[in-house]
């Protein structure tokens, strides 16, 4: 949990008013993100380790309970889809 995720080069996370949601833009297209994915990727800055991301999310969403498994699963999936890199 000391690894640091960052968006891969060419990827950009942003709010898209037309989609009324956050999206992940990349040269070949766009991914419309759900609320959970948006919350996680909003914490991915290339400097913050996974443990800190989880702690911040648990602080921001106290009713959600323990988020380690969900966040780690999302980050693994995002890495497999080549959205992020884990350093």
PDB file of N, CA and C in Angstrom:
ATOM      1  N   UNK A   1       0.810  -1.185   0.000  1.00  0.00           N
ATOM      2  CA  UNK A   1       0.000   0.000   0.000  1.00  0.00           C
ATOM      3  C   UNK A   1       0.862   1.260   0.000  1.00  0.00           C
ATOM      4  N   UNK A   2       2.157   1.074  -0.210  1.00  0.00           N
ATOM      5  CA  UNK A   2       3.048   2.224  -0.307  1.00  0.00           C
ATOM      6  C   UNK A   2       3.235   2.655  -1.755  1.00  0.00           C
ATOM      7  N   UNK A   3       2.669   1.876  -2.678  1.00  0.00           N
ATOM      8  CA  UNK A   3       2.799   2.224  -4.093  1.00  0.00           C
ATOM      9  C   UNK A   3       1.995   3.485  -4.388  1.00  0.00           C
ATOM     10  N   UNK A   4       2.472   4.234  -5.372  1.00  0.00           N
ATOM     11  CA  UNK A   4       1.858   5.514  -5.725  1.00  0.00           C
ATOM     12  C   UNK A   4       1.255   5.413  -7.126  1.00  0.00           C
ATOM     13  N   UNK A   5      -0.069   5.531  -7.223  1.00  0.00           N
ATOM     14  CA  UNK A   5      -0.687   5.501  -8.549  1.00  0.00           C
ATOM     15  C   UNK A   5      -0.622   6.868  -9.231  1.00  0.00           C
ATOM     16  N   UNK A   6      -0.534   6.835 -10.541  1.00  0.00           N
ATOM     17  CA  UNK A   6      -0.620   8.068 -11.326  1.00  0.00           C
ATOM     18  C   UNK A   6      -1.266   7.728 -12.661  1.00  0.00           C
ATOM     19  N   UNK A   7      -1.912   8.712 -13.243  1.00  0.00           N
ATOM     20  CA  UNK A   7      -2.494   8.507 -14.565  1.00  0.00           C
ATOM     21  C   UNK A   7      -1.383   8.281 -15.566  1.00  0.00           C
ATOM     22  N   UNK A   8      -1.639   7.426 -16.518  1.00  0.00           N
ATOM     23  CA  UNK A   8      -0.644   7.185 -17.565  1.00  0.00           C
ATOM     24  C   UNK A   8      -0.530   8.414 -18.458  1.00  0.00           C
ATOM     25  N   UNK A   9       0.617   8.605 -19.076  1.00  0.00           N
ATOM     26  CA  UNK A   9       0.764   9.734 -20.004  1.00  0.00           C
ATOM     27  C   UNK A   9      -0.335   9.694 -21.076  1.00  0.00           C
ATOM     28  N   UNK A  10      -0.885  10.838 -21.362  1.00  0.00           N
ATOM     29  CA  UNK A  10      -1.943  10.929 -22.366  1.00  0.00           C
ATOM     30  C   UNK A  10      -3.348  10.812 -21.795  1.00  0.00           C
ATOM     31  N   UNK A  11      -3.455  10.479 -20.517  1.00  0.00           N
ATOM     32  CA  UNK A  11      -4.763  10.363 -19.871  1.00  0.00           C
ATOM     33  C   UNK A  11      -5.024  11.608 -19.033  1.00  0.00           C
ATOM     34  N   UNK A  12      -6.289  12.049 -19.039  1.00  0.00           N
ATOM     35  CA  UNK A  12      -6.661  13.221 -18.261  1.00  0.00           C
ATOM     36  C   UNK A  12      -8.007  12.974 -17.587  1.00  0.00           C
ATOM     37  N   UNK A  13      -8.076  13.250 -16.297  1.00  0.00           N
ATOM     38  CA  UNK A  13      -9.293  13.113 -15.498  1.00  0.00           C
ATOM     39  C   UNK A  13      -9.926  14.495 -15.388  1.00  0.00           C
ATOM     40  N   UNK A  14     -11.202  14.607 -15.737  1.00  0.00           N
ATOM     41  CA  UNK A  14     -11.847  15.914 -15.647  1.00  0.00           C
ATOM     42  C   UNK A  14     -13.364  15.776 -15.577  1.00  0.00           C
ATOM     43  N   UNK A  15     -14.013  16.872 -15.138  1.00  0.00           N
ATOM     44  CA  UNK A  15     -15.467  16.960 -15.143  1.00  0.00           C
ATOM     45  C   UNK A  15     -15.900  17.309 -16.559  1.00  0.00           C
ATOM     46  N   UNK A  16     -16.893  16.601 -17.062  1.00  0.00           N
ATOM     47  CA  UNK A  16     -17.413  16.840 -18.407  1.00  0.00           C
ATOM     48  C   UNK A  16     -18.884  17.234 -18.280  1.00  0.00           C
ATOM     49  N   UNK A  17     -19.203  18.537 -18.414  1.00  0.00           N
ATOM     50  CA  UNK A  17     -20.577  18.990 -18.231  1.00  0.00           C
ATOM     51  C   UNK A  17     -21.583  18.300 -19.166  1.00  0.00           C
ATOM     52  N   UNK A  18     -21.190  18.046 -20.387  1.00  0.00           N
ATOM     53  CA  UNK A  18     -22.106  17.408 -21.342  1.00  0.00           C
ATOM     54  C   UNK A  18     -22.488  16.007 -20.861  1.00  0.00           C
ATOM     55  N   UNK A  19     -21.555  15.291 -20.246  1.00  0.00           N
ATOM     56  CA  UNK A  19     -21.807  13.954 -19.725  1.00  0.00           C
ATOM     57  C   UNK A  19     -22.408  14.002 -18.318  1.00  0.00           C
ATOM     58  N   UNK A  20     -22.350  15.167 -17.690  1.00  0.00           N
ATOM     59  CA  UNK A  20     -22.786  15.357 -16.309  1.00  0.00           C
ATOM     60  C   UNK A  20     -22.081  14.369 -15.374  1.00  0.00           C
ATOM     61  N   UNK A  21     -20.801  14.167 -15.629  1.00  0.00           N
ATOM     62  CA  UNK A  21     -20.006  13.249 -14.811  1.00  0.00           C
ATOM     63  C   UNK A  21     -18.522  13.510 -15.057  1.00  0.00           C
ATOM     64  N   UNK A  22     -17.708  12.897 -14.202  1.00  0.00           N
ATOM     65  CA  UNK A  22     -16.271  12.900 -14.460  1.00  0.00           C
ATOM     66  C   UNK A  22     -15.979  11.886 -15.558  1.00  0.00           C
ATOM     67  N   UNK A  23     -14.950  12.176 -16.322  1.00  0.00           N
ATOM     68  CA  UNK A  23     -14.529  11.287 -17.393  1.00  0.00           C
ATOM     69  C   UNK A  23     -13.017  11.137 -17.349  1.00  0.00           C
ATOM     70  N   UNK A  24     -12.555  10.095 -17.982  1.00  0.00           N
ATOM     71  CA  UNK A  24     -11.137   9.885 -18.199  1.00  0.00           C
ATOM     72  C   UNK A  24     -10.925   9.990 -19.704  1.00  0.00           C
ATOM     73  N   UNK A  25     -10.212  11.028 -20.120  1.00  0.00           N
ATOM     74  CA  UNK A  25      -9.949  11.253 -21.541  1.00  0.00           C
ATOM     75  C   UNK A  25      -8.592  10.667 -21.900  1.00  0.00           C
ATOM     76  N   UNK A  26      -8.528  10.103 -23.090  1.00  0.00           N
ATOM     77  CA  UNK A  26      -7.262   9.579 -23.604  1.00  0.00           C
ATOM     78  C   UNK A  26      -7.299   9.709 -25.118  1.00  0.00           C
ATOM     79  N   UNK A  27      -6.161   9.568 -25.806  1.00  0.00           N
ATOM     80  CA  UNK A  27      -6.133   9.858 -27.236  1.00  0.00           C
ATOM     81  C   UNK A  27      -7.163   9.090 -28.074  1.00  0.00           C
ATOM     82  N   UNK A  28      -7.486   7.872 -27.691  1.00  0.00           N
ATOM     83  CA  UNK A  28      -8.406   7.063 -28.492  1.00  0.00           C
ATOM     84  C   UNK A  28      -9.863   7.222 -28.078  1.00  0.00           C
ATOM     85  N   UNK A  29     -10.145   7.974 -26.994  1.00  0.00           N
ATOM     86  CA  UNK A  29     -11.531   8.076 -26.582  1.00  0.00           C
ATOM     87  C   UNK A  29     -11.722   8.637 -25.193  1.00  0.00           C
ATOM     88  N   UNK A  30     -12.804   8.166 -24.562  1.00  0.00           N
ATOM     89  CA  UNK A  30     -13.209   8.685 -23.269  1.00  0.00           C
ATOM     90  C   UNK A  30     -13.931   7.589 -22.500  1.00  0.00           C
ATOM     91  N   UNK A  31     -13.741   7.588 -21.185  1.00  0.00           N
ATOM     92  CA  UNK A  31     -14.455   6.678 -20.293  1.00  0.00           C
ATOM     93  C   UNK A  31     -15.287   7.534 -19.351  1.00  0.00           C
ATOM     94  N   UNK A  32     -16.596   7.312 -19.331  1.00  0.00           N
ATOM     95  CA  UNK A  32     -17.468   7.989 -18.382  1.00  0.00           C
ATOM     96  C   UNK A  32     -17.393   7.217 -17.068  1.00  0.00           C
ATOM     97  N   UNK A  33     -17.079   7.931 -15.974  1.00  0.00           N
ATOM     98  CA  UNK A  33     -16.826   7.284 -14.694  1.00  0.00           C
ATOM     99  C   UNK A  33     -18.036   7.380 -13.772  1.00  0.00           C
ATOM    100  N   UNK A  34     -18.236   6.344 -12.978  1.00  0.00           N
ATOM    101  CA  UNK A  34     -19.283   6.407 -11.957  1.00  0.00           C
ATOM    102  C   UNK A  34     -18.755   7.197 -10.761  1.00  0.00           C
ATOM    103  N   UNK A  35     -19.613   7.411  -9.786  1.00  0.00           N
ATOM    104  CA  UNK A  35     -19.263   8.241  -8.634  1.00  0.00           C
ATOM    105  C   UNK A  35     -18.081   7.679  -7.851  1.00  0.00           C
ATOM    106  N   UNK A  36     -18.063   6.365  -7.637  1.00  0.00           N
ATOM    107  CA  UNK A  36     -16.966   5.749  -6.877  1.00  0.00           C
ATOM    108  C   UNK A  36     -15.640   5.881  -7.604  1.00  0.00           C
ATOM    109  N   UNK A  37     -15.627   5.579  -8.891  1.00  0.00           N
ATOM    110  CA  UNK A  37     -14.400   5.694  -9.677  1.00  0.00           C
ATOM    111  C   UNK A  37     -13.911   7.134  -9.695  1.00  0.00           C
ATOM    112  N   UNK A  38     -14.842   8.065  -9.807  1.00  0.00           N
ATOM    113  CA  UNK A  38     -14.476   9.485  -9.803  1.00  0.00           C
ATOM    114  C   UNK A  38     -13.831   9.889  -8.486  1.00  0.00           C
ATOM    115  N   UNK A  39     -14.411   9.437  -7.382  1.00  0.00           N
ATOM    116  CA  UNK A  39     -13.865   9.781  -6.069  1.00  0.00           C
ATOM    117  C   UNK A  39     -12.449   9.239  -5.908  1.00  0.00           C
ATOM    118  N   UNK A  40     -12.221   8.019  -6.368  1.00  0.00           N
ATOM    119  CA  UNK A  40     -10.884   7.423  -6.245  1.00  0.00           C
ATOM    120  C   UNK A  40      -9.894   8.151  -7.141  1.00  0.00           C
ATOM    121  N   UNK A  41     -10.238   8.344  -8.416  1.00  0.00           N
ATOM    122  CA  UNK A  41      -9.295   8.989  -9.336  1.00  0.00           C
ATOM    123  C   UNK A  41      -9.033  10.440  -8.972  1.00  0.00           C
ATOM    124  N   UNK A  42      -9.969  11.095  -8.302  1.00  0.00           N
ATOM    125  CA  UNK A  42      -9.733  12.470  -7.854  1.00  0.00           C
ATOM    126  C   UNK A  42      -8.590  12.540  -6.846  1.00  0.00           C
ATOM    127  N   UNK A  43      -8.330  11.433  -6.168  1.00  0.00           N
ATOM    128  CA  UNK A  43      -7.245  11.371  -5.178  1.00  0.00           C
ATOM    129  C   UNK A  43      -5.908  10.940  -5.792  1.00  0.00           C
ATOM    130  N   UNK A  44      -5.926  10.478  -7.013  1.00  0.00           N
ATOM    131  CA  UNK A  44      -4.702  10.006  -7.682  1.00  0.00           C
ATOM    132  C   UNK A  44      -3.965  11.223  -8.247  1.00  0.00           C
ATOM    133  N   UNK A  45      -2.830  11.552  -7.621  1.00  0.00           N
ATOM    134  CA  UNK A  45      -2.086  12.738  -8.041  1.00  0.00           C
ATOM    135  C   UNK A  45      -0.634  12.446  -8.402  1.00  0.00           C
ATOM    136  N   UNK A  46      -0.249  11.173  -8.367  1.00  0.00           N
ATOM    137  CA  UNK A  46       1.134  10.830  -8.685  1.00  0.00           C
ATOM    138  C   UNK A  46       2.093  11.012  -7.532  1.00  0.00           C
ATOM    139  N   UNK A  47       1.585  11.455  -6.373  1.00  0.00           N
ATOM    140  CA  UNK A  47       2.429  11.664  -5.190  1.00  0.00           C
ATOM    141  C   UNK A  47       1.908  10.922  -3.971  1.00  0.00           C
ATOM    142  N   UNK A  48       0.614  10.729  -3.913  1.00  0.00           N
ATOM    143  CA  UNK A  48      -0.037  10.154  -2.731  1.00  0.00           C
ATOM    144  C   UNK A  48      -0.054   8.632  -2.828  1.00  0.00           C
ATOM    145  N   UNK A  49       0.479   7.920  -1.819  1.00  0.00           N
ATOM    146  CA  UNK A  49       0.445   6.451  -1.851  1.00  0.00           C
ATOM    147  C   UNK A  49      -0.981   5.932  -1.628  1.00  0.00           C
ATOM    148  N   UNK A  50      -1.188   4.691  -2.019  1.00  0.00           N
ATOM    149  CA  UNK A  50      -2.505   4.057  -1.929  1.00  0.00           C
ATOM    150  C   UNK A  50      -3.075   4.153  -0.522  1.00  0.00           C
ATOM    151  N   UNK A  51      -2.265   3.915   0.495  1.00  0.00           N
ATOM    152  CA  UNK A  51      -2.758   3.971   1.878  1.00  0.00           C
ATOM    153  C   UNK A  51      -3.323   5.343   2.213  1.00  0.00           C
ATOM    154  N   UNK A  52      -2.684   6.395   1.730  1.00  0.00           N
ATOM    155  CA  UNK A  52      -3.178   7.754   1.983  1.00  0.00           C
ATOM    156  C   UNK A  52      -4.470   8.014   1.224  1.00  0.00           C
ATOM    157  N   UNK A  53      -4.568   7.504   0.014  1.00  0.00           N
ATOM    158  CA  UNK A  53      -5.802   7.648  -0.774  1.00  0.00           C
ATOM    159  C   UNK A  53      -6.961   6.989  -0.037  1.00  0.00           C
ATOM    160  N   UNK A  54      -6.735   5.791   0.461  1.00  0.00           N
ATOM    161  CA  UNK A  54      -7.780   5.072   1.200  1.00  0.00           C
ATOM    162  C   UNK A  54      -8.183   5.862   2.441  1.00  0.00           C
ATOM    163  N   UNK A  55      -7.207   6.356   3.187  1.00  0.00           N
ATOM    164  CA  UNK A  55      -7.504   7.125   4.403  1.00  0.00           C
ATOM    165  C   UNK A  55      -8.323   8.367   4.093  1.00  0.00           C
ATOM    166  N   UNK A  56      -7.984   9.068   3.030  1.00  0.00           N
ATOM    167  CA  UNK A  56      -8.730  10.274   2.655  1.00  0.00           C
ATOM    168  C   UNK A  56     -10.155   9.929   2.245  1.00  0.00           C
ATOM    169  N   UNK A  57     -10.314   8.855   1.483  1.00  0.00           N
ATOM    170  CA  UNK A  57     -11.661   8.448   1.067  1.00  0.00           C
ATOM    171  C   UNK A  57     -12.507   8.025   2.259  1.00  0.00           C
ATOM    172  N   UNK A  58     -11.909   7.294   3.189  1.00  0.00           N
ATOM    173  CA  UNK A  58     -12.648   6.880   4.385  1.00  0.00           C
ATOM    174  C   UNK A  58     -13.033   8.086   5.233  1.00  0.00           C
ATOM    175  N   UNK A  59     -12.200   9.115   5.231  1.00  0.00           N
ATOM    176  CA  UNK A  59     -12.522  10.340   5.961  1.00  0.00           C
ATOM    177  C   UNK A  59     -13.644  11.103   5.253  1.00  0.00           C
ATOM    178  N   UNK A  60     -13.592  11.153   3.933  1.00  0.00           N
ATOM    179  CA  UNK A  60     -14.600  11.883   3.164  1.00  0.00           C
ATOM    180  C   UNK A  60     -15.941  11.157   3.106  1.00  0.00           C
ATOM    181  N   UNK A  61     -15.919   9.838   3.230  1.00  0.00           N
ATOM    182  CA  UNK A  61     -17.136   9.018   3.134  1.00  0.00           C
ATOM    183  C   UNK A  61     -17.231   8.082   4.337  1.00  0.00           C
ATOM    184  N   UNK A  62     -17.421   8.636   5.545  1.00  0.00           N
ATOM    185  CA  UNK A  62     -17.391   7.807   6.756  1.00  0.00           C
ATOM    186  C   UNK A  62     -18.482   6.742   6.801  1.00  0.00           C
ATOM    187  N   UNK A  63     -19.600   6.972   6.150  1.00  0.00           N
ATOM    188  CA  UNK A  63     -20.687   5.984   6.155  1.00  0.00           C
ATOM    189  C   UNK A  63     -20.383   4.764   5.285  1.00  0.00           C
ATOM    190  N   UNK A  64     -19.365   4.878   4.435  1.00  0.00           N
ATOM    191  CA  UNK A  64     -19.019   3.774   3.535  1.00  0.00           C
ATOM    192  C   UNK A  64     -18.292   2.646   4.250  1.00  0.00           C
ATOM    193  N   UNK A  65     -17.736   2.910   5.430  1.00  0.00           N
ATOM    194  CA  UNK A  65     -17.012   1.871   6.156  1.00  0.00           C
ATOM    195  C   UNK A  65     -15.593   1.715   5.628  1.00  0.00           C
ATOM    196  N   UNK A  66     -15.058   0.524   5.800  1.00  0.00           N
ATOM    197  CA  UNK A  66     -13.681   0.203   5.415  1.00  0.00           C
ATOM    198  C   UNK A  66     -13.611   0.052   3.886  1.00  0.00           C
ATOM    199  N   UNK A  67     -12.710   0.806   3.249  1.00  0.00           N
ATOM    200  CA  UNK A  67     -12.678   0.862   1.784  1.00  0.00           C
ATOM    201  C   UNK A  67     -11.456   0.217   1.146  1.00  0.00           C
ATOM    202  N   UNK A  68     -10.586  -0.365   1.943  1.00  0.00           N
ATOM    203  CA  UNK A  68      -9.327  -0.884   1.397  1.00  0.00           C
ATOM    204  C   UNK A  68      -9.544  -1.845   0.237  1.00  0.00           C
ATOM    205  N   UNK A  69     -10.375  -2.854   0.422  1.00  0.00           N
ATOM    206  CA  UNK A  69     -10.566  -3.854  -0.634  1.00  0.00           C
ATOM    207  C   UNK A  69     -11.138  -3.235  -1.899  1.00  0.00           C
ATOM    208  N   UNK A  70     -12.139  -2.368  -1.750  1.00  0.00           N
ATOM    209  CA  UNK A  70     -12.770  -1.752  -2.922  1.00  0.00           C
ATOM    210  C   UNK A  70     -11.807  -0.855  -3.687  1.00  0.00           C
ATOM    211  N   UNK A  71     -11.051  -0.037  -2.960  1.00  0.00           N
ATOM    212  CA  UNK A  71     -10.111   0.864  -3.618  1.00  0.00           C
ATOM    213  C   UNK A  71      -9.001   0.069  -4.306  1.00  0.00           C
ATOM    214  N   UNK A  72      -8.455  -0.922  -3.625  1.00  0.00           N
ATOM    215  CA  UNK A  72      -7.386  -1.732  -4.222  1.00  0.00           C
ATOM    216  C   UNK A  72      -7.886  -2.477  -5.454  1.00  0.00           C
ATOM    217  N   UNK A  73      -9.098  -2.989  -5.392  1.00  0.00           N
ATOM    218  CA  UNK A  73      -9.671  -3.684  -6.548  1.00  0.00           C
ATOM    219  C   UNK A  73      -9.835  -2.721  -7.724  1.00  0.00           C
ATOM    220  N   UNK A  74     -10.339  -1.535  -7.466  1.00  0.00           N
ATOM    221  CA  UNK A  74     -10.486  -0.548  -8.537  1.00  0.00           C
ATOM    222  C   UNK A  74      -9.129  -0.187  -9.138  1.00  0.00           C
ATOM    223  N   UNK A  75      -8.129   0.057  -8.293  1.00  0.00           N
ATOM    224  CA  UNK A  75      -6.813   0.433  -8.804  1.00  0.00           C
ATOM    225  C   UNK A  75      -6.179  -0.694  -9.615  1.00  0.00           C
ATOM    226  N   UNK A  76      -6.371  -1.948  -9.196  1.00  0.00           N
ATOM    227  CA  UNK A  76      -5.873  -3.085  -9.993  1.00  0.00           C
ATOM    228  C   UNK A  76      -6.555  -3.119 -11.358  1.00  0.00           C
ATOM    229  N   UNK A  77      -7.867  -2.917 -11.351  1.00  0.00           N
ATOM    230  CA  UNK A  77      -8.630  -2.919 -12.597  1.00  0.00           C
ATOM    231  C   UNK A  77      -8.181  -1.767 -13.501  1.00  0.00           C
ATOM    232  N   UNK A  78      -8.000  -0.578 -12.915  1.00  0.00           N
ATOM    233  CA  UNK A  78      -7.553   0.577 -13.687  1.00  0.00           C
ATOM    234  C   UNK A  78      -6.159   0.351 -14.267  1.00  0.00           C
ATOM    235  N   UNK A  79      -5.316  -0.323 -13.514  1.00  0.00           N
ATOM    236  CA  UNK A  79      -3.972  -0.639 -14.014  1.00  0.00           C
ATOM    237  C   UNK A  79      -4.056  -1.641 -15.169  1.00  0.00           C
ATOM    238  N   UNK A  80      -4.895  -2.647 -15.037  1.00  0.00           N
ATOM    239  CA  UNK A  80      -5.051  -3.642 -16.106  1.00  0.00           C
ATOM    240  C   UNK A  80      -5.624  -3.014 -17.379  1.00  0.00           C
ATOM    241  N   UNK A  81      -6.446  -1.987 -17.212  1.00  0.00           N
ATOM    242  CA  UNK A  81      -7.014  -1.275 -18.362  1.00  0.00           C
ATOM    243  C   UNK A  81      -6.054  -0.218 -18.898  1.00  0.00           C
ATOM    244  N   UNK A  82      -4.885  -0.113 -18.272  1.00  0.00           N
ATOM    245  CA  UNK A  82      -3.829   0.833 -18.668  1.00  0.00           C
ATOM    246  C   UNK A  82      -4.227   2.283 -18.478  1.00  0.00           C
ATOM    247  N   UNK A  83      -5.107   2.560 -17.486  1.00  0.00           N
ATOM    248  CA  UNK A  83      -5.470   3.938 -17.157  1.00  0.00           C
ATOM    249  C   UNK A  83      -4.428   4.552 -16.246  1.00  0.00           C
ATOM    250  N   UNK A  84      -3.865   3.730 -15.346  1.00  0.00           N
ATOM    251  CA  UNK A  84      -2.911   4.238 -14.352  1.00  0.00           C
ATOM    252  C   UNK A  84      -1.662   3.373 -14.351  1.00  0.00           C
ATOM    253  N   UNK A  85      -0.639   3.916 -13.725  1.00  0.00           N
ATOM    254  CA  UNK A  85       0.582   3.174 -13.413  1.00  0.00           C
ATOM    255  C   UNK A  85       0.742   3.192 -11.899  1.00  0.00           C
ATOM    256  N   UNK A  86       1.277   2.125 -11.351  1.00  0.00           N
ATOM    257  CA  UNK A  86       1.578   2.072  -9.914  1.00  0.00           C
ATOM    258  C   UNK A  86       3.085   2.046  -9.746  1.00  0.00           C
ATOM    259  N   UNK A  87       3.615   3.045  -9.079  1.00  0.00           N
ATOM    260  CA  UNK A  87       5.067   3.158  -8.891  1.00  0.00           C
ATOM    261  C   UNK A  87       5.440   2.701  -7.506  1.00  0.00           C
TER     262      UNK A  87
END
